[in-house]
Each structure stands twice: as C-alpha cells, then as structure tokens.
Amino acid sequence: AQLERNGGPWLLGASFCRADVVAVAQLQWVQRCNEYGAAPVVLPEGVRAYLARARERPSFQAAIGQHGEAAFALTMIRDKNAAAGRLLGGLGLAAAVCGAAVVMRRAGAS
C-alpha cells in the first residue's frame, strides 16, 4: 500500500533510497529466519515482490548476490556448525579408535 501511495516501486517513489536499503536488509533477515524456522512471520505477497525487485538490482547482486547463500549469517552459522560437527565427529572417532588400540595393547600385554 505504501508503494502505491508513493507512486513507485520503492518506499519513497521511483528511486531506490536509504529507506529501501534498511527495509530490504530487515526483510531479508526475516525471510532467512523463516527459512530456518526461527521466525514464523508470514511476509505478504506485496512485500515478497518488493524484496524480489530489490534482489534483482545490480547493486544487490554486486554486494550480496555474488556470495550466494554464504552471504547470510544464519547460513554461515549453519555451515560452520556442520563443519565443526564433522570435525568433532572425526576427532571422536579417532579418539575411540586410539582408545580401543590402547585397551587392546594393554589386554595383550597382560
């Protein structure tokens, strides 16, 4: 409704401005949280269309789009946690194998 009142595809009219930058950043975060199930907020179709227009802008692609999924903190956290889990799982397996080898060595020595 705000876009219609201002006569353009952006918050203040025909030109993309700082208010749009702030709004898009916040909306992007809400949408990401929704994808991860962290914020059950339903974005209306008009808001999703506004966000899609912003994502199509060359400046968005230059700043964020080039990094893909890794540009968002939740994705980075998820990926780092998964990598840490794999590392810790591997270390746990290695520790278990070493521990079993020590037990077997001791059992063979007695």
Foldseek 3Di string as FASTA:
>chain_A
DCAVVCDDLENNHPDHDPVRVVLLVVVVVQVVCVVVVNHPDDDDPSSVVSNVVVCPDPVNCVPQVVVPPCSDPVSVVVVVVVVVVVVVVVVVVVVVVVVVVVVVVVVVVD
